[in-house]
Amino acid sequence: MRAQIFLCLTEMVREKFGKEKLGLILDASGLSDSKVYMRYFNGFDFSDEKFFDLVRNLCRILNITKEQAADTFGEYWVCVYASREYPQYYQNLKSAEDLLIKLDSIHQDVTANSPSNIEAALPPRFDVKSTGKNAFRVHYKSKRGMIDFYIGLVKGVGVYFNTPVEVRKLSEEEVDIRLGTPDAEQGRR
């Protein structure tokens, strides 16, 4: 898994819950050693097991569910981290629908234009099919089983574009998404 996920998660915890909570989570995950932490901070990949261990400890220490952690992460990723670190992918987007449809091609582009070791990142793929006006069924393709994080990301897209979003998880590989009308008074973030 790419270090950016780790960096975003730790940044999110520090910003939303404080440095003390982040320290407790890192300690519980065996990442409190500054050499270990800096290895990830400097852009190395990390194992899926280490990520899931970090999430389990985050949920336990913050007393939240995995779904709540995924929602918080998804909103932070879309609204803060990715929009700051990858602004080129936000250019020319006019709606939540634009970003959700473009997400698969963003993953392909990041993979194609990154160092050769990104192949180990195995980014998820998204097959988006329209099921009606402002409605989609998304087939989530990943061996990691992180569909709850995808759902959190979808909700984050709604927050970014001030668009009501309903997401219904159909299975570990499929979700239905219904987008409402953007809040015209608030506009885009």
C-alpha atoms as a PDB file:
ATOM      1  CA  MET A   1       0.000   0.000   0.000  1.00  0.00           C
ATOM      2  CA  ARG A   2       1.255   3.490  -0.781  1.00  0.00           C
ATOM      3  CA  ALA A   3       2.687   5.600   2.014  1.00  0.00           C
ATOM      4  CA  GLN A   4       0.319   8.452   1.137  1.00  0.00           C
ATOM      5  CA  ILE A   5      -2.541   6.492   2.707  1.00  0.00           C
ATOM      6  CA  PHE A   6      -0.518   6.083   5.908  1.00  0.00           C
ATOM      7  CA  LEU A   7       0.520   9.747   5.892  1.00  0.00           C
ATOM      8  CA  CYS A   8      -3.036  10.956   5.346  1.00  0.00           C
ATOM      9  CA  LEU A   9      -4.377   8.719   8.106  1.00  0.00           C
ATOM     10  CA  THR A  10      -1.803   9.912  10.641  1.00  0.00           C
ATOM     11  CA  GLU A  11      -2.252  13.552   9.605  1.00  0.00           C
ATOM     12  CA  MET A  12      -6.024  13.174   9.951  1.00  0.00           C
ATOM     13  CA  VAL A  13      -5.731  11.717  13.464  1.00  0.00           C
ATOM     14  CA  ARG A  14      -3.319  14.464  14.542  1.00  0.00           C
ATOM     15  CA  GLU A  15      -5.555  17.230  13.150  1.00  0.00           C
ATOM     16  CA  LYS A  16      -8.921  15.866  14.299  1.00  0.00           C
ATOM     17  CA  PHE A  17      -8.057  14.039  17.530  1.00  0.00           C
ATOM     18  CA  GLY A  18      -4.714  15.458  18.660  1.00  0.00           C
ATOM     19  CA  LYS A  19      -1.070  14.475  18.884  1.00  0.00           C
ATOM     20  CA  GLU A  20      -1.591  12.521  22.107  1.00  0.00           C
ATOM     21  CA  LYS A  21      -4.156  10.188  20.501  1.00  0.00           C
ATOM     22  CA  LEU A  22      -1.914   9.773  17.460  1.00  0.00           C
ATOM     23  CA  GLY A  23       0.949   8.793  19.748  1.00  0.00           C
ATOM     24  CA  LEU A  24      -1.200   6.190  21.505  1.00  0.00           C
ATOM     25  CA  ILE A  25      -2.319   4.726  18.179  1.00  0.00           C
ATOM     26  CA  LEU A  26       1.227   4.619  16.796  1.00  0.00           C
ATOM     27  CA  ASP A  27       2.505   3.021  20.035  1.00  0.00           C
ATOM     28  CA  ALA A  28      -0.196   0.346  19.922  1.00  0.00           C
ATOM     29  CA  SER A  29       0.662  -0.326  16.269  1.00  0.00           C
ATOM     30  CA  GLY A  30       4.411  -0.626  16.850  1.00  0.00           C
ATOM     31  CA  LEU A  31       5.108   2.587  14.953  1.00  0.00           C
ATOM     32  CA  SER A  32       6.158   4.876  17.779  1.00  0.00           C
ATOM     33  CA  ASP A  33       9.857   4.428  17.014  1.00  0.00           C
ATOM     34  CA  SER A  34      10.801   7.536  15.017  1.00  0.00           C
ATOM     35  CA  LYS A  35      12.958   5.469  12.628  1.00  0.00           C
ATOM     36  CA  VAL A  36       9.999   3.255  11.778  1.00  0.00           C
ATOM     37  CA  TYR A  37       7.673   6.232  11.407  1.00  0.00           C
ATOM     38  CA  MET A  38      10.161   8.179   9.268  1.00  0.00           C
ATOM     39  CA  ARG A  39      10.515   5.175   6.962  1.00  0.00           C
ATOM     40  CA  TYR A  40       6.857   5.616   6.041  1.00  0.00           C
ATOM     41  CA  PHE A  41       7.059   9.386   6.103  1.00  0.00           C
ATOM     42  CA  ASN A  42       9.816   9.243   3.492  1.00  0.00           C
ATOM     43  CA  GLY A  43       7.530   7.523   1.004  1.00  0.00           C
ATOM     44  CA  PHE A  44       8.150   3.814   1.466  1.00  0.00           C
ATOM     45  CA  ASP A  45       5.257   1.468   0.972  1.00  0.00           C
ATOM     46  CA  PHE A  46       3.852  -0.414   3.929  1.00  0.00           C
ATOM     47  CA  SER A  47       2.039  -3.669   4.334  1.00  0.00           C
ATOM     48  CA  ASP A  48      -1.718  -4.042   4.257  1.00  0.00           C
ATOM     49  CA  GLU A  49      -1.466  -5.820   7.609  1.00  0.00           C
ATOM     50  CA  LYS A  50       0.243  -2.795   9.170  1.00  0.00           C
ATOM     51  CA  PHE A  51      -2.472  -0.504   7.803  1.00  0.00           C
ATOM     52  CA  PHE A  52      -5.299  -2.682   9.118  1.00  0.00           C
ATOM     53  CA  ASP A  53      -3.514  -2.959  12.477  1.00  0.00           C
ATOM     54  CA  LEU A  54      -3.294   0.836  12.574  1.00  0.00           C
ATOM     55  CA  VAL A  55      -7.018   1.131  11.784  1.00  0.00           C
ATOM     56  CA  ARG A  56      -7.958  -1.448  14.463  1.00  0.00           C
ATOM     57  CA  ASN A  57      -5.942   0.464  17.058  1.00  0.00           C
ATOM     58  CA  LEU A  58      -7.381   3.780  15.883  1.00  0.00           C
ATOM     59  CA  CYS A  59     -10.927   2.434  16.320  1.00  0.00           C
ATOM     60  CA  ARG A  60     -10.172   0.973  19.740  1.00  0.00           C
ATOM     61  CA  ILE A  61      -8.389   4.057  21.105  1.00  0.00           C
ATOM     62  CA  LEU A  62     -10.849   6.574  19.655  1.00  0.00           C
ATOM     63  CA  ASN A  63     -13.813   4.314  20.479  1.00  0.00           C
ATOM     64  CA  ILE A  64     -15.255   4.493  16.960  1.00  0.00           C
ATOM     65  CA  THR A  65     -16.347   1.861  14.444  1.00  0.00           C
ATOM     66  CA  LYS A  66     -14.411   0.919  11.329  1.00  0.00           C
ATOM     67  CA  GLU A  67     -17.168   2.582   9.277  1.00  0.00           C
ATOM     68  CA  GLN A  68     -16.794   5.816  11.266  1.00  0.00           C
ATOM     69  CA  ALA A  69     -13.020   5.690  10.767  1.00  0.00           C
ATOM     70  CA  ALA A  70     -13.514   5.078   7.036  1.00  0.00           C
ATOM     71  CA  ASP A  71     -15.981   7.983   6.735  1.00  0.00           C
ATOM     72  CA  THR A  72     -13.655  10.347   8.588  1.00  0.00           C
ATOM     73  CA  PHE A  73     -10.696   9.224   6.490  1.00  0.00           C
ATOM     74  CA  GLY A  74     -12.645   9.510   3.219  1.00  0.00           C
ATOM     75  CA  GLU A  75     -13.732  13.055   3.931  1.00  0.00           C
ATOM     76  CA  TYR A  76     -10.232  14.086   5.025  1.00  0.00           C
ATOM     77  CA  TRP A  77      -8.661  12.412   1.986  1.00  0.00           C
ATOM     78  CA  VAL A  78     -10.965  14.116  -0.534  1.00  0.00           C
ATOM     79  CA  CYS A  79     -11.418  17.524   1.102  1.00  0.00           C
ATOM     80  CA  VAL A  80      -7.954  18.102   2.573  1.00  0.00           C
ATOM     81  CA  TYR A  81      -5.191  15.687   1.657  1.00  0.00           C
ATOM     82  CA  ALA A  82      -5.777  14.752  -1.999  1.00  0.00           C
ATOM     83  CA  SER A  83      -7.001  18.209  -2.991  1.00  0.00           C
ATOM     84  CA  ARG A  84      -3.733  19.618  -1.583  1.00  0.00           C
ATOM     85  CA  GLU A  85      -1.347  16.867  -2.772  1.00  0.00           C
ATOM     86  CA  TYR A  86      -2.955  16.090  -6.137  1.00  0.00           C
ATOM     87  CA  PRO A  87      -4.593  19.364  -7.295  1.00  0.00           C
ATOM     88  CA  GLN A  88      -4.188  18.428 -10.963  1.00  0.00           C
ATOM     89  CA  TYR A  89      -6.893  15.780 -10.547  1.00  0.00           C
ATOM     90  CA  TYR A  90      -9.375  18.325  -9.218  1.00  0.00           C
ATOM     91  CA  GLN A  91      -9.003  20.699 -12.148  1.00  0.00           C
ATOM     92  CA  ASN A  92     -12.034  20.991 -14.411  1.00  0.00           C
ATOM     93  CA  LEU A  93     -14.266  19.016 -12.062  1.00  0.00           C
ATOM     94  CA  LYS A  94     -17.700  20.555 -11.772  1.00  0.00           C
ATOM     95  CA  SER A  95     -19.567  18.015  -9.685  1.00  0.00           C
ATOM     96  CA  ALA A  96     -19.435  15.023  -7.382  1.00  0.00           C
ATOM     97  CA  GLU A  97     -20.469  12.912 -10.357  1.00  0.00           C
ATOM     98  CA  ASP A  98     -17.428  14.122 -12.328  1.00  0.00           C
ATOM     99  CA  LEU A  99     -15.019  13.011  -9.608  1.00  0.00           C
ATOM    100  CA  LEU A 100     -16.718   9.684  -8.942  1.00  0.00           C
ATOM    101  CA  ILE A 101     -16.695   8.794 -12.635  1.00  0.00           C
ATOM    102  CA  LYS A 102     -13.098   9.995 -13.037  1.00  0.00           C
ATOM    103  CA  LEU A 103     -11.765   8.093 -10.000  1.00  0.00           C
ATOM    104  CA  ASP A 104     -10.825   4.943 -11.898  1.00  0.00           C
ATOM    105  CA  SER A 105      -8.880   6.879 -14.528  1.00  0.00           C
ATOM    106  CA  ILE A 106      -7.131   8.846 -11.750  1.00  0.00           C
ATOM    107  CA  HIS A 107      -5.901   5.562 -10.270  1.00  0.00           C
ATOM    108  CA  GLN A 108      -4.715   4.429 -13.707  1.00  0.00           C
ATOM    109  CA  ASP A 109      -2.929   7.739 -14.295  1.00  0.00           C
ATOM    110  CA  VAL A 110      -1.232   7.757 -10.890  1.00  0.00           C
ATOM    111  CA  THR A 111      -0.044   4.192 -11.498  1.00  0.00           C
ATOM    112  CA  ALA A 112       1.243   4.984 -14.997  1.00  0.00           C
ATOM    113  CA  ASN A 113       3.009   8.221 -14.002  1.00  0.00           C
ATOM    114  CA  SER A 114       4.629   7.133 -10.759  1.00  0.00           C
ATOM    115  CA  PRO A 115       7.879   5.327 -10.017  1.00  0.00           C
ATOM    116  CA  SER A 116       7.951   1.698 -11.072  1.00  0.00           C
ATOM    117  CA  ASN A 117       7.358   0.433  -7.527  1.00  0.00           C
ATOM    118  CA  ILE A 118       3.805   1.792  -7.536  1.00  0.00           C
ATOM    119  CA  GLU A 119       2.719  -1.489  -9.107  1.00  0.00           C
ATOM    120  CA  ALA A 120       3.053  -2.985  -5.626  1.00  0.00           C
ATOM    121  CA  ALA A 121       0.426  -0.499  -4.460  1.00  0.00           C
ATOM    122  CA  LEU A 122      -2.313  -2.392  -6.321  1.00  0.00           C
ATOM    123  CA  PRO A 123      -4.775   0.496  -6.424  1.00  0.00           C
ATOM    124  CA  PRO A 124      -8.465  -0.408  -6.484  1.00  0.00           C
ATOM    125  CA  ARG A 125     -10.456  -0.200  -9.674  1.00  0.00           C
ATOM    126  CA  PHE A 126     -13.984   1.134 -10.032  1.00  0.00           C
ATOM    127  CA  ASP A 127     -16.487   0.073 -12.669  1.00  0.00           C
ATOM    128  CA  VAL A 128     -19.210   2.742 -12.611  1.00  0.00           C
ATOM    129  CA  LYS A 129     -22.556   2.107 -14.318  1.00  0.00           C
ATOM    130  CA  SER A 130     -25.425   4.567 -14.453  1.00  0.00           C
ATOM    131  CA  THR A 131     -28.675   3.203 -12.995  1.00  0.00           C
ATOM    132  CA  GLY A 132     -30.748   6.340 -13.532  1.00  0.00           C
ATOM    133  CA  LYS A 133     -30.563  10.091 -13.099  1.00  0.00           C
ATOM    134  CA  ASN A 134     -27.792  10.846 -10.556  1.00  0.00           C
ATOM    135  CA  ALA A 135     -27.662   7.150  -9.631  1.00  0.00           C
ATOM    136  CA  PHE A 136     -24.831   4.671 -10.074  1.00  0.00           C
ATOM    137  CA  ARG A 137     -23.843   1.149  -9.240  1.00  0.00           C
ATOM    138  CA  VAL A 138     -20.123   0.785  -8.622  1.00  0.00           C
ATOM    139  CA  HIS A 139     -18.277  -2.490  -8.743  1.00  0.00           C
ATOM    140  CA  TYR A 140     -15.273  -2.116  -6.446  1.00  0.00           C
ATOM    141  CA  LYS A 141     -12.356  -4.306  -7.537  1.00  0.00           C
ATOM    142  CA  SER A 142      -9.656  -4.836  -4.940  1.00  0.00           C
ATOM    143  CA  LYS A 143      -8.081  -7.728  -3.088  1.00  0.00           C
ATOM    144  CA  ARG A 144      -7.739  -5.544   0.021  1.00  0.00           C
ATOM    145  CA  GLY A 145     -11.383  -5.547   1.066  1.00  0.00           C
ATOM    146  CA  MET A 146     -11.490  -1.812   1.761  1.00  0.00           C
ATOM    147  CA  ILE A 147     -14.946  -1.078   0.394  1.00  0.00           C
ATOM    148  CA  ASP A 148     -15.846   0.773   3.610  1.00  0.00           C
ATOM    149  CA  PHE A 149     -13.018   3.195   2.844  1.00  0.00           C
ATOM    150  CA  TYR A 150     -14.368   3.627  -0.676  1.00  0.00           C
ATOM    151  CA  ILE A 151     -17.787   4.422   0.808  1.00  0.00           C
ATOM    152  CA  GLY A 152     -16.126   6.987   3.086  1.00  0.00           C
ATOM    153  CA  LEU A 153     -14.408   8.482   0.064  1.00  0.00           C
ATOM    154  CA  VAL A 154     -17.736   8.726  -1.805  1.00  0.00           C
ATOM    155  CA  LYS A 155     -19.246  10.550   1.170  1.00  0.00           C
ATOM    156  CA  GLY A 156     -16.191  12.832   1.197  1.00  0.00           C
ATOM    157  CA  VAL A 157     -16.799  13.671  -2.469  1.00  0.00           C
ATOM    158  CA  GLY A 158     -20.316  14.733  -1.491  1.00  0.00           C
ATOM    159  CA  VAL A 159     -18.919  17.004   1.231  1.00  0.00           C
ATOM    160  CA  TYR A 160     -16.342  18.500  -1.143  1.00  0.00           C
ATOM    161  CA  PHE A 161     -19.022  19.388  -3.706  1.00  0.00           C
ATOM    162  CA  ASN A 162     -21.752  20.186  -1.143  1.00  0.00           C
ATOM    163  CA  THR A 163     -23.863  17.465  -2.700  1.00  0.00           C
ATOM    164  CA  PRO A 164     -26.083  15.113  -0.692  1.00  0.00           C
ATOM    165  CA  VAL A 165     -24.920  11.530  -1.206  1.00  0.00           C
ATOM    166  CA  GLU A 166     -26.637   8.285  -0.326  1.00  0.00           C
ATOM    167  CA  VAL A 167     -24.469   5.178  -0.444  1.00  0.00           C
ATOM    168  CA  ARG A 168     -25.846   1.685   0.018  1.00  0.00           C
ATOM    169  CA  LYS A 169     -23.410  -1.196   0.393  1.00  0.00           C
ATOM    170  CA  LEU A 170     -24.733  -4.191  -1.529  1.00  0.00           C
ATOM    171  CA  SER A 171     -21.767  -6.487  -0.921  1.00  0.00           C
ATOM    172  CA  GLU A 172     -18.027  -6.335  -0.287  1.00  0.00           C
ATOM    173  CA  GLU A 173     -17.648  -5.488  -3.982  1.00  0.00           C
ATOM    174  CA  GLU A 174     -20.656  -3.388  -4.903  1.00  0.00           C
ATOM    175  CA  VAL A 175     -22.393  -0.172  -3.857  1.00  0.00           C
ATOM    176  CA  ASP A 176     -25.298   1.907  -5.067  1.00  0.00           C
ATOM    177  CA  ILE A 177     -24.777   5.672  -5.061  1.00  0.00           C
ATOM    178  CA  ARG A 178     -27.444   8.340  -5.403  1.00  0.00           C
ATOM    179  CA  LEU A 179     -26.401  11.973  -5.697  1.00  0.00           C
ATOM    180  CA  GLY A 180     -28.665  14.851  -4.715  1.00  0.00           C
ATOM    181  CA  THR A 181     -28.559  18.375  -6.021  1.00  0.00           C
ATOM    182  CA  PRO A 182     -25.554  20.465  -4.987  1.00  0.00           C
ATOM    183  CA  ASP A 183     -26.269  23.220  -2.485  1.00  0.00           C
ATOM    184  CA  ALA A 184     -26.233  26.211  -4.829  1.00  0.00           C
ATOM    185  CA  GLU A 185     -25.687  28.736  -2.004  1.00  0.00           C
ATOM    186  CA  GLN A 186     -22.548  27.065  -0.669  1.00  0.00           C
ATOM    187  CA  GLY A 187     -20.991  26.106  -4.005  1.00  0.00           C
ATOM    188  CA  ARG A 188     -17.806  24.126  -4.209  1.00  0.00           C
ATOM    189  CA  ARG A 189     -15.285  24.129  -1.352  1.00  0.00           C
END
